[in-house]
Amino acid sequence: MTMGKESLHEAKVERITRQLRLRTSTRPVSFRKKTPPHQVPKRNDRRRSDEKIDLGDLDEILDIDPVGMTCTAEPAVTFDQVVQATLRHGLAPIIVPEHKTITLGGAVAGCSIESMSFRHGGFHDTCLEYEIITAKGEVLHCSPQHHPLVFQMIHGSFGTLGVLSKLRFKLVRVAPYVHVTYETYATLEAFQQGIWRHFKAQDVDYLDGQIFSPTKHVLCVGRFVERAPHVSRYDWLKAYCESIPRLSEDYLTTYDYLFRYNRGVTHVRPRSLLARALFGKLVHSDSVLRAADRFHRFLPDKNPNVIVDVFVPFSRTAEFMDWYHREMHFYPVWCVPFRRTRDYEWLTPQWWGGVHDPLFLDLAVYGLPQPEGRNLYKEFEDELQRVNGTKTLISYNYYDEETFWSLWNKETYQAVKQRTDPDNVFRDLYTKTCRAALGL
């Protein structure tokens, strides 16, 4: 890191610490960034009226170490920025979430994963150090060796334990292209056998898949290659997710592979070729989320479409998918194998006690319509408890407080909360994700 960048970063941190130390408002505090929040937009989210800490200028890449294969950056840096900068060195982040404008800080707070997760876990599992500003304006430098519980609990905390102001994370060496082959299976059992085979052999670079019906499952297997006979582009007329059930193989530049889902993971709009020709370059994750945030008053007040990411132990996937096919029957479902790298401190020991697998499947559903009289989000939560699964908190959450803290670890959470936010300036995790987000 150059002295100029370091001095500028320190000045930004001082601005935030001063704002926190001198604040007199009793309103809860949350963060403002340049990019839209990559959570499911909610009409009545009370966080819009919070006092804001502006993190928009924490958007600099501070250092890329091509020898040590690490990157140090501020939290408002987007993955698009990081990927473009690191590819110049033949490197990339190990975990690159699917949308270009997801920020580094958002990936930590919101538990981002992707198609290297079968080997490395989530983005947090590739991080080495965090700089955290507490609610009282103290700066902590956290790692597995220093303030280790704070370091681990920032993952999945959704901004309730402090301000992440800098992070250092690992990179991986990449080739210019990715060769993707598509393995199609008629049964979930065969699909899981394919996942398990690659997981045990560690013989591929990227692994994800989509479930198109109870009888069609496609595993997307990516391998780095130095040369490609041709390359596909999916940033305008064509959509990557639509190519999966049709092709046997494909070639993409590494950059395009990493953001192959930027316009949509399982569904892409507009659907007609003419509309895509006119508007396809304009409709992507960033534009949709910005519009939803700006015009949130027009979002549905009741029965919003379901967008949910669930994590199911590998051995319980058949039970869960039997329920899903019977009760939900909405496709495709995105599937990302996720390696159990550690027993995260933010989940209870009792929950971990029911998990005996080295691998989870992250199953993501986008846009499932809710019928009148049913709360499908709650039905997902209830079924996940039955199969000892869990979910991210980015969407609508209907847990009661007792159930929530039987899954999320209140003891470790409160231990860190007392250190970083004893006056509850940033709200607690349950209140922020299960109450305030719903306007309660």
Protein backbone atom coordinates (compact mmCIF):
# COMPACT_ATOMS: atom_id res chain seq x y z
CA MET A 1 0.00 0.00 0.00
CA THR A 2 1.42 3.38 -0.97
CA MET A 3 1.75 6.11 1.66
CA GLY A 4 -0.75 8.27 -0.22
CA LYS A 5 -3.42 5.57 -0.24
CA GLU A 6 -2.75 4.71 3.40
CA SER A 7 -3.06 8.35 4.49
CA LEU A 8 -6.26 8.82 2.52
CA HIS A 9 -7.73 5.64 4.02
CA GLU A 10 -6.83 6.78 7.54
CA ALA A 11 -8.58 10.11 6.88
CA LYS A 12 -11.75 8.27 5.80
CA VAL A 13 -11.64 6.11 8.93
CA GLU A 14 -11.17 9.20 11.08
CA ARG A 15 -14.25 10.80 9.49
CA ILE A 16 -16.37 7.76 10.38
CA THR A 17 -15.00 7.42 13.91
CA ARG A 18 -15.63 11.11 14.54
CA GLN A 19 -19.22 10.84 13.29
CA LEU A 20 -19.85 7.89 15.59
CA ARG A 21 -18.23 9.50 18.63
CA LEU A 22 -20.07 12.81 18.21
CA ARG A 23 -23.51 11.55 17.22
CA THR A 24 -26.40 12.71 19.42
CA SER A 25 -29.32 11.13 17.58
CA THR A 26 -31.12 8.19 19.17
CA ARG A 27 -32.15 6.75 15.81
CA PRO A 28 -30.59 3.44 14.74
CA VAL A 29 -27.59 3.67 12.42
CA SER A 30 -27.06 1.86 9.14
CA PHE A 31 -24.84 2.41 6.13
CA ARG A 32 -25.05 4.26 2.82
CA LYS A 33 -23.09 3.03 -0.22
CA LYS A 34 -22.88 4.10 -3.86
CA THR A 35 -24.19 0.74 -5.04
CA PRO A 36 -27.69 -0.56 -4.26
CA PRO A 37 -28.06 -3.07 -1.41
CA HIS A 38 -28.04 -6.63 -2.72
CA GLN A 39 -30.77 -7.75 -0.37
CA VAL A 40 -34.31 -8.48 -1.44
CA PRO A 41 -35.95 -5.00 -1.61
CA LYS A 42 -38.82 -4.58 0.85
CA ARG A 43 -41.53 -1.96 0.69
CA ASN A 44 -41.70 -1.07 4.40
CA ASP A 45 -38.06 -1.50 5.41
CA ARG A 46 -37.52 0.84 8.37
CA ARG A 47 -33.80 1.05 7.69
CA ARG A 48 -34.46 3.67 5.03
CA SER A 49 -35.17 6.21 7.78
CA ASP A 50 -32.08 5.34 9.84
CA GLU A 51 -29.27 7.75 10.53
CA LYS A 52 -26.67 6.93 7.89
CA ILE A 53 -22.93 6.41 8.01
CA ASP A 54 -21.71 7.18 4.50
CA LEU A 55 -19.33 4.46 3.31
CA GLY A 56 -19.47 5.53 -0.32
CA ASP A 57 -15.89 6.82 -0.37
CA LEU A 58 -14.46 3.58 1.07
CA ASP A 59 -14.10 2.40 -2.51
CA GLU A 60 -10.37 2.05 -3.14
CA ILE A 61 -8.27 -1.02 -3.85
CA LEU A 62 -5.33 -0.37 -1.55
CA ASP A 63 -2.93 -3.14 -2.55
CA ILE A 64 -2.62 -6.18 -4.79
CA ASP A 65 0.22 -8.53 -3.86
CA PRO A 66 0.80 -10.75 -6.92
CA VAL A 67 3.46 -12.82 -5.11
CA GLY A 68 1.55 -13.43 -1.89
CA MET A 69 -1.68 -13.56 -3.93
CA THR A 70 -3.69 -11.25 -1.68
CA CYS A 71 -5.71 -8.08 -2.14
CA THR A 72 -6.31 -5.34 0.43
CA ALA A 73 -9.27 -3.10 -0.24
CA GLU A 74 -12.00 -0.96 1.26
CA PRO A 75 -15.48 -2.44 1.68
CA ALA A 76 -17.38 -0.40 -0.93
CA VAL A 77 -15.17 -1.74 -3.71
CA THR A 78 -17.27 -3.87 -6.06
CA PHE A 79 -16.27 -7.31 -7.27
CA ASP A 80 -16.28 -5.94 -10.80
CA GLN A 81 -13.53 -3.51 -9.79
CA VAL A 82 -11.52 -6.20 -8.02
CA VAL A 83 -11.80 -8.72 -10.84
CA GLN A 84 -10.72 -6.20 -13.48
CA ALA A 85 -7.73 -5.12 -11.36
CA THR A 86 -6.57 -8.60 -10.35
CA LEU A 87 -6.98 -10.20 -13.79
CA ARG A 88 -4.14 -7.96 -14.98
CA HIS A 89 -1.91 -10.08 -12.73
CA GLY A 90 -3.46 -13.39 -13.79
CA LEU A 91 -5.34 -13.53 -10.47
CA ALA A 92 -8.91 -13.26 -9.21
CA PRO A 93 -10.77 -13.48 -5.89
CA ILE A 94 -11.42 -17.10 -4.97
CA ILE A 95 -15.12 -16.44 -4.43
CA VAL A 96 -16.74 -13.97 -6.84
CA PRO A 97 -20.49 -13.47 -6.22
CA GLU A 98 -22.76 -13.55 -9.23
CA HIS A 99 -23.50 -9.81 -9.58
CA LYS A 100 -20.92 -7.21 -10.57
CA THR A 101 -21.95 -4.53 -8.06
CA ILE A 102 -21.93 -6.71 -4.94
CA THR A 103 -19.34 -5.07 -2.70
CA LEU A 104 -16.60 -6.72 -0.69
CA GLY A 105 -18.23 -5.58 2.54
CA GLY A 106 -21.61 -6.88 1.43
CA ALA A 107 -20.09 -10.27 0.60
CA VAL A 108 -18.72 -10.56 4.14
CA ALA A 109 -21.84 -9.31 5.91
CA GLY A 110 -24.22 -11.31 3.71
CA CYS A 111 -22.37 -14.66 3.36
CA SER A 112 -21.60 -14.65 -0.38
CA ILE A 113 -20.70 -17.91 -2.10
CA GLU A 114 -20.21 -19.08 -5.72
CA SER A 115 -18.86 -21.90 -7.83
CA MET A 116 -15.48 -22.31 -6.07
CA SER A 117 -17.37 -22.82 -2.80
CA PHE A 118 -17.25 -26.61 -3.21
CA ARG A 119 -13.55 -26.25 -2.42
CA HIS A 120 -13.14 -23.05 -0.39
CA GLY A 121 -16.45 -22.30 1.36
CA GLY A 122 -17.70 -18.70 1.28
CA PHE A 123 -15.99 -15.38 0.62
CA HIS A 124 -15.40 -14.88 4.35
CA ASP A 125 -13.43 -18.14 4.42
CA THR A 126 -10.92 -16.57 2.02
CA CYS A 127 -10.47 -13.44 4.15
CA LEU A 128 -7.36 -12.90 6.29
CA GLU A 129 -7.92 -9.61 8.14
CA TYR A 130 -10.67 -7.10 8.85
CA GLU A 131 -10.43 -3.54 10.09
CA ILE A 132 -13.56 -2.85 12.16
CA ILE A 133 -14.83 0.46 13.54
CA THR A 134 -16.95 -0.04 16.64
CA ALA A 135 -20.06 1.96 17.46
CA LYS A 136 -17.99 4.04 19.91
CA GLY A 137 -15.42 4.92 17.24
CA GLU A 138 -12.68 2.47 18.24
CA VAL A 139 -10.69 0.80 15.45
CA LEU A 140 -10.02 -2.93 15.80
CA HIS A 141 -7.70 -4.98 13.62
CA CYS A 142 -9.16 -8.47 13.54
CA SER A 143 -7.88 -11.80 12.25
CA PRO A 144 -7.97 -15.43 13.37
CA GLN A 145 -5.15 -14.48 15.77
CA HIS A 146 -6.30 -11.03 16.96
CA HIS A 147 -9.85 -10.52 18.22
CA PRO A 148 -10.67 -13.92 16.68
CA LEU A 149 -14.32 -14.03 17.77
CA VAL A 150 -14.98 -10.56 16.35
CA PHE A 151 -13.30 -11.67 13.12
CA GLN A 152 -15.52 -14.74 12.80
CA MET A 153 -18.78 -13.09 13.86
CA ILE A 154 -18.57 -10.20 11.39
CA HIS A 155 -19.42 -12.83 8.78
CA GLY A 156 -23.19 -12.85 8.39
CA SER A 157 -23.73 -9.98 10.84
CA PHE A 158 -25.44 -7.67 8.29
CA GLY A 159 -23.79 -4.56 9.66
CA THR A 160 -25.01 -5.03 13.24
CA LEU A 161 -21.60 -5.46 14.90
CA GLY A 162 -19.64 -2.55 13.51
CA VAL A 163 -18.33 -0.88 10.37
CA LEU A 164 -16.04 -2.97 8.20
CA SER A 165 -13.58 -0.39 6.88
CA LYS A 166 -10.83 -2.52 5.30
CA LEU A 167 -10.19 -6.17 4.51
CA ARG A 168 -7.44 -8.38 3.14
CA PHE A 169 -8.34 -11.56 1.28
CA LYS A 170 -6.76 -14.34 -0.75
CA LEU A 171 -6.59 -14.54 -4.53
CA VAL A 172 -6.25 -17.51 -6.86
CA ARG A 173 -4.26 -17.89 -10.07
CA VAL A 174 -6.52 -18.06 -13.12
CA ALA A 175 -6.21 -18.71 -16.85
CA PRO A 176 -7.67 -16.46 -19.56
CA TYR A 177 -10.63 -18.75 -20.30
CA VAL A 178 -13.02 -21.19 -18.64
CA HIS A 179 -14.21 -24.31 -20.45
CA VAL A 180 -17.63 -25.29 -19.10
CA THR A 181 -19.04 -28.77 -19.66
CA TYR A 182 -22.62 -29.65 -18.78
CA GLU A 183 -23.41 -32.99 -17.17
CA THR A 184 -27.13 -33.81 -17.38
CA TYR A 185 -28.77 -36.23 -14.93
CA ALA A 186 -32.30 -37.60 -14.85
CA THR A 187 -32.39 -38.13 -11.08
CA LEU A 188 -31.33 -36.14 -8.04
CA GLU A 189 -29.41 -39.17 -6.82
CA ALA A 190 -27.26 -39.27 -9.95
CA PHE A 191 -26.83 -35.47 -9.82
CA GLN A 192 -25.58 -35.70 -6.23
CA GLN A 193 -23.25 -38.54 -7.16
CA GLY A 194 -21.74 -36.29 -9.83
CA ILE A 195 -21.28 -33.48 -7.31
CA TRP A 196 -19.74 -35.84 -4.77
CA ARG A 197 -17.35 -37.29 -7.35
CA HIS A 198 -15.96 -33.86 -8.23
CA PHE A 199 -15.92 -32.78 -4.57
CA LYS A 200 -13.85 -35.79 -3.55
CA ALA A 201 -11.53 -35.68 -6.57
CA GLN A 202 -11.15 -31.86 -6.57
CA ASP A 203 -10.59 -32.28 -10.30
CA VAL A 204 -12.32 -29.11 -11.52
CA ASP A 205 -11.99 -25.38 -10.87
CA TYR A 206 -15.66 -24.38 -10.71
CA LEU A 207 -18.81 -26.32 -9.87
CA ASP A 208 -22.47 -25.29 -9.75
CA GLY A 209 -25.70 -26.51 -11.31
CA GLN A 210 -29.38 -25.99 -11.98
CA ILE A 211 -32.40 -28.18 -11.32
CA PHE A 212 -34.92 -27.72 -14.14
CA SER A 213 -37.46 -30.34 -13.04
CA PRO A 214 -37.61 -33.53 -10.95
CA THR A 215 -36.15 -35.33 -13.98
CA LYS A 216 -33.59 -32.82 -15.31
CA HIS A 217 -30.55 -31.73 -13.32
CA VAL A 218 -27.55 -30.08 -15.00
CA LEU A 219 -24.13 -29.82 -13.37
CA CYS A 220 -21.98 -26.97 -14.74
CA VAL A 221 -18.32 -27.98 -14.54
CA GLY A 222 -15.71 -25.28 -15.18
CA ARG A 223 -12.02 -25.75 -15.88
CA PHE A 224 -9.39 -23.11 -16.66
CA VAL A 225 -7.85 -23.27 -20.14
CA GLU A 226 -5.19 -21.16 -21.82
CA ARG A 227 -6.89 -21.12 -25.22
CA ALA A 228 -10.47 -21.31 -26.48
CA PRO A 229 -11.73 -22.20 -29.97
CA HIS A 230 -14.51 -19.62 -29.52
CA VAL A 231 -16.08 -17.64 -26.69
CA SER A 232 -19.70 -16.93 -25.81
CA ARG A 233 -21.03 -13.62 -24.52
CA TYR A 234 -24.16 -13.35 -22.39
CA ASP A 235 -24.36 -9.62 -21.70
CA TRP A 236 -26.96 -8.66 -24.30
CA LEU A 237 -29.18 -10.87 -26.49
CA LYS A 238 -28.33 -14.24 -24.95
CA ALA A 239 -28.67 -15.29 -21.31
CA TYR A 240 -26.26 -17.75 -19.73
CA CYS A 241 -28.91 -19.46 -17.61
CA GLU A 242 -30.92 -20.21 -20.76
CA SER A 243 -27.93 -21.88 -22.42
CA ILE A 244 -27.38 -24.42 -19.63
CA PRO A 245 -30.06 -26.97 -20.61
CA ARG A 246 -29.26 -26.66 -24.33
CA LEU A 247 -25.48 -26.97 -24.57
CA SER A 248 -23.01 -29.77 -23.89
CA GLU A 249 -20.05 -27.39 -23.51
CA ASP A 250 -19.16 -23.71 -23.70
CA TYR A 251 -16.16 -21.39 -23.53
CA LEU A 252 -16.11 -18.00 -21.82
CA THR A 253 -13.41 -15.53 -20.92
CA THR A 254 -12.69 -15.80 -17.21
CA TYR A 255 -14.17 -12.34 -16.66
CA ASP A 256 -17.40 -13.26 -18.45
CA TYR A 257 -17.60 -16.59 -16.63
CA LEU A 258 -17.32 -14.92 -13.22
CA PHE A 259 -20.25 -12.62 -14.04
CA ARG A 260 -22.22 -15.02 -16.23
CA TYR A 261 -25.26 -14.59 -13.97
CA ASN A 262 -25.11 -10.79 -13.73
CA ARG A 263 -28.34 -10.40 -15.71
CA GLY A 264 -30.14 -13.13 -13.79
CA VAL A 265 -29.37 -16.49 -12.22
CA THR A 266 -32.41 -18.52 -13.29
CA HIS A 267 -34.57 -16.05 -15.24
CA VAL A 268 -33.61 -13.05 -17.38
CA ARG A 269 -35.84 -10.20 -18.48
CA PRO A 270 -36.82 -8.99 -20.97
CA ARG A 271 -37.55 -12.34 -22.58
CA SER A 272 -38.25 -11.43 -26.22
CA LEU A 273 -35.36 -10.98 -28.64
CA LEU A 274 -36.67 -7.60 -29.78
CA ALA A 275 -36.93 -6.26 -26.22
CA ARG A 276 -33.45 -7.54 -25.47
CA ALA A 277 -32.10 -5.85 -28.58
CA LEU A 278 -33.56 -2.57 -27.34
CA PHE A 279 -33.11 -2.86 -23.58
CA GLY A 280 -30.93 -5.92 -22.89
CA LYS A 281 -27.83 -3.84 -22.13
CA LEU A 282 -29.79 -1.76 -19.64
CA VAL A 283 -31.54 -4.47 -17.62
CA HIS A 284 -29.18 -6.19 -15.19
CA SER A 285 -28.86 -6.74 -11.46
CA ASP A 286 -27.68 -3.22 -10.65
CA SER A 287 -30.38 -1.40 -12.63
CA VAL A 288 -33.16 -3.62 -11.28
CA LEU A 289 -32.04 -3.18 -7.65
CA ARG A 290 -31.61 0.59 -8.03
CA ALA A 291 -35.10 0.90 -9.46
CA ALA A 292 -36.60 -1.27 -6.70
CA ASP A 293 -34.88 0.76 -4.00
CA ARG A 294 -35.84 4.12 -5.51
CA PHE A 295 -39.46 3.15 -6.16
CA HIS A 296 -39.92 0.94 -3.09
CA ARG A 297 -43.39 2.39 -2.43
CA PHE A 298 -44.60 0.46 -5.47
CA LEU A 299 -43.27 -2.89 -4.25
CA PRO A 300 -45.99 -5.37 -3.19
CA ASP A 301 -47.18 -4.99 0.38
CA LYS A 302 -48.48 -8.56 0.55
CA ASN A 303 -47.40 -11.87 -0.97
CA PRO A 304 -44.12 -10.76 -2.60
CA ASN A 305 -42.48 -13.26 -4.91
CA VAL A 306 -40.08 -15.56 -3.09
CA ILE A 307 -36.34 -15.05 -3.43
CA VAL A 308 -34.47 -17.27 -1.01
CA ASP A 309 -31.08 -18.96 -0.52
CA VAL A 310 -31.15 -22.09 1.62
CA PHE A 311 -28.34 -24.33 2.83
CA VAL A 312 -29.16 -28.01 3.16
CA PRO A 313 -26.80 -30.73 4.47
CA PHE A 314 -25.81 -32.90 1.53
CA SER A 315 -27.32 -36.05 3.02
CA ARG A 316 -30.68 -34.33 3.62
CA THR A 317 -31.05 -32.85 0.13
CA ALA A 318 -33.31 -35.63 -1.17
CA GLU A 319 -35.77 -35.05 1.70
CA PHE A 320 -35.79 -31.32 1.09
CA MET A 321 -36.22 -31.62 -2.68
CA ASP A 322 -39.04 -34.15 -2.28
CA TRP A 323 -40.85 -31.50 -0.25
CA TYR A 324 -39.92 -28.78 -2.74
CA HIS A 325 -41.16 -30.72 -5.79
CA ARG A 326 -44.41 -31.48 -3.97
CA GLU A 327 -45.12 -28.08 -2.40
CA MET A 328 -43.36 -25.50 -4.58
CA HIS A 329 -42.64 -27.05 -8.01
CA PHE A 330 -41.01 -23.87 -9.37
CA TYR A 331 -37.92 -24.07 -11.57
CA PRO A 332 -35.06 -23.67 -12.22
CA VAL A 333 -33.36 -23.93 -8.81
CA TRP A 334 -29.74 -22.82 -8.66
CA CYS A 335 -27.49 -25.28 -6.84
CA VAL A 336 -24.06 -24.40 -5.42
CA PRO A 337 -22.08 -27.07 -3.52
CA PHE A 338 -20.59 -25.49 -0.39
CA ARG A 339 -17.73 -27.03 1.58
CA ARG A 340 -17.97 -27.04 5.37
CA THR A 341 -14.68 -25.29 6.12
CA ARG A 342 -15.42 -24.65 9.81
CA ASP A 343 -18.34 -24.70 12.21
CA TYR A 344 -19.22 -21.02 12.09
CA GLU A 345 -19.50 -19.38 15.49
CA TRP A 346 -22.66 -17.51 14.52
CA LEU A 347 -24.69 -20.74 14.45
CA THR A 348 -25.46 -22.63 17.67
CA PRO A 349 -23.55 -25.76 18.73
CA GLN A 350 -26.92 -27.51 18.90
CA TRP A 351 -27.54 -26.74 15.24
CA TRP A 352 -24.09 -27.95 14.25
CA GLY A 353 -24.66 -31.06 16.34
CA GLY A 354 -27.31 -32.15 13.84
CA VAL A 355 -25.01 -31.75 10.82
CA HIS A 356 -22.73 -34.65 9.91
CA ASP A 357 -21.84 -33.69 6.36
CA PRO A 358 -18.65 -32.12 4.95
CA LEU A 359 -20.73 -30.53 2.19
CA PHE A 360 -23.89 -28.44 1.94
CA LEU A 361 -25.95 -27.62 -1.11
CA ASP A 362 -26.97 -23.99 -1.42
CA LEU A 363 -30.31 -24.04 -3.25
CA ALA A 364 -31.50 -20.67 -4.53
CA VAL A 365 -35.01 -19.84 -5.72
CA TYR A 366 -35.72 -16.60 -7.59
CA GLY A 367 -39.23 -15.28 -8.27
CA LEU A 368 -41.52 -18.01 -6.93
CA PRO A 369 -45.08 -16.53 -6.89
CA GLN A 370 -46.91 -16.73 -3.56
CA PRO A 371 -50.53 -17.89 -3.70
CA GLU A 372 -53.14 -16.08 -1.65
CA GLY A 373 -53.39 -17.36 1.90
CA ARG A 374 -49.93 -18.96 2.11
CA ASN A 375 -46.65 -17.60 3.45
CA LEU A 376 -44.10 -19.56 1.45
CA TYR A 377 -41.19 -17.87 3.21
CA LYS A 378 -42.43 -19.29 6.51
CA GLU A 379 -42.97 -22.69 4.92
CA PHE A 380 -39.33 -22.68 3.79
CA GLU A 381 -38.20 -21.80 7.32
CA ASP A 382 -40.25 -24.62 8.84
CA GLU A 383 -39.00 -27.21 6.34
CA LEU A 384 -35.39 -26.13 6.86
CA GLN A 385 -35.74 -26.81 10.57
CA ARG A 386 -36.99 -30.30 9.77
CA VAL A 387 -33.92 -31.15 7.63
CA ASN A 388 -31.47 -29.21 9.83
CA GLY A 389 -30.81 -26.61 7.16
CA THR A 390 -30.56 -22.85 7.35
CA LYS A 391 -30.83 -19.84 5.06
CA THR A 392 -29.28 -16.46 4.49
CA LEU A 393 -31.13 -13.47 5.93
CA ILE A 394 -31.14 -11.37 2.74
CA SER A 395 -34.85 -11.90 2.04
CA TYR A 396 -38.08 -11.88 4.04
CA ASN A 397 -37.66 -13.54 7.45
CA TYR A 398 -40.55 -14.64 9.67
CA TYR A 399 -38.77 -16.34 12.57
CA ASP A 400 -40.07 -15.59 16.04
CA GLU A 401 -37.32 -14.47 18.38
CA GLU A 402 -37.05 -17.75 20.28
CA THR A 403 -36.74 -19.81 17.12
CA PHE A 404 -34.24 -17.36 15.62
CA TRP A 405 -31.87 -17.60 18.57
CA SER A 406 -32.18 -21.38 18.64
CA LEU A 407 -30.44 -21.31 15.25
CA TRP A 408 -28.22 -18.22 15.41
CA ASN A 409 -25.80 -18.23 18.33
CA LYS A 410 -26.98 -15.57 20.77
CA GLU A 411 -24.16 -16.25 23.25
CA THR A 412 -21.33 -15.55 20.82
CA TYR A 413 -23.28 -12.76 19.14
CA GLN A 414 -23.86 -10.92 22.42
CA ALA A 415 -20.24 -11.42 23.48
CA VAL A 416 -19.10 -9.53 20.37
CA LYS A 417 -21.99 -7.05 20.57
CA GLN A 418 -20.86 -5.99 24.04
CA ARG A 419 -17.39 -5.35 22.65
CA THR A 420 -18.33 -3.53 19.45
CA ASP A 421 -21.83 -2.06 19.96
CA PRO A 422 -22.87 -2.20 23.64
CA ASP A 423 -25.56 0.49 23.18
CA ASN A 424 -27.16 -1.29 20.21
CA VAL A 425 -26.58 1.61 17.83
CA PHE A 426 -26.67 -0.74 14.80
CA ARG A 427 -29.70 -2.79 16.02
CA ASP A 428 -29.29 -6.46 16.84
CA LEU A 429 -29.36 -9.14 14.15
CA TYR A 430 -32.87 -10.40 14.89
CA THR A 431 -34.41 -6.92 15.04
CA LYS A 432 -32.70 -5.74 11.86
CA THR A 433 -33.41 -8.77 9.66
CA CYS A 434 -36.72 -10.08 11.05
CA ARG A 435 -38.47 -6.95 12.35
CA ALA A 436 -37.19 -3.65 10.93
CA ALA A 437 -36.83 -5.11 7.45
CA LEU A 438 -40.55 -5.86 7.49
CA GLY A 439 -41.47 -2.44 8.82
CA LEU A 440 -42.13 -3.75 12.35
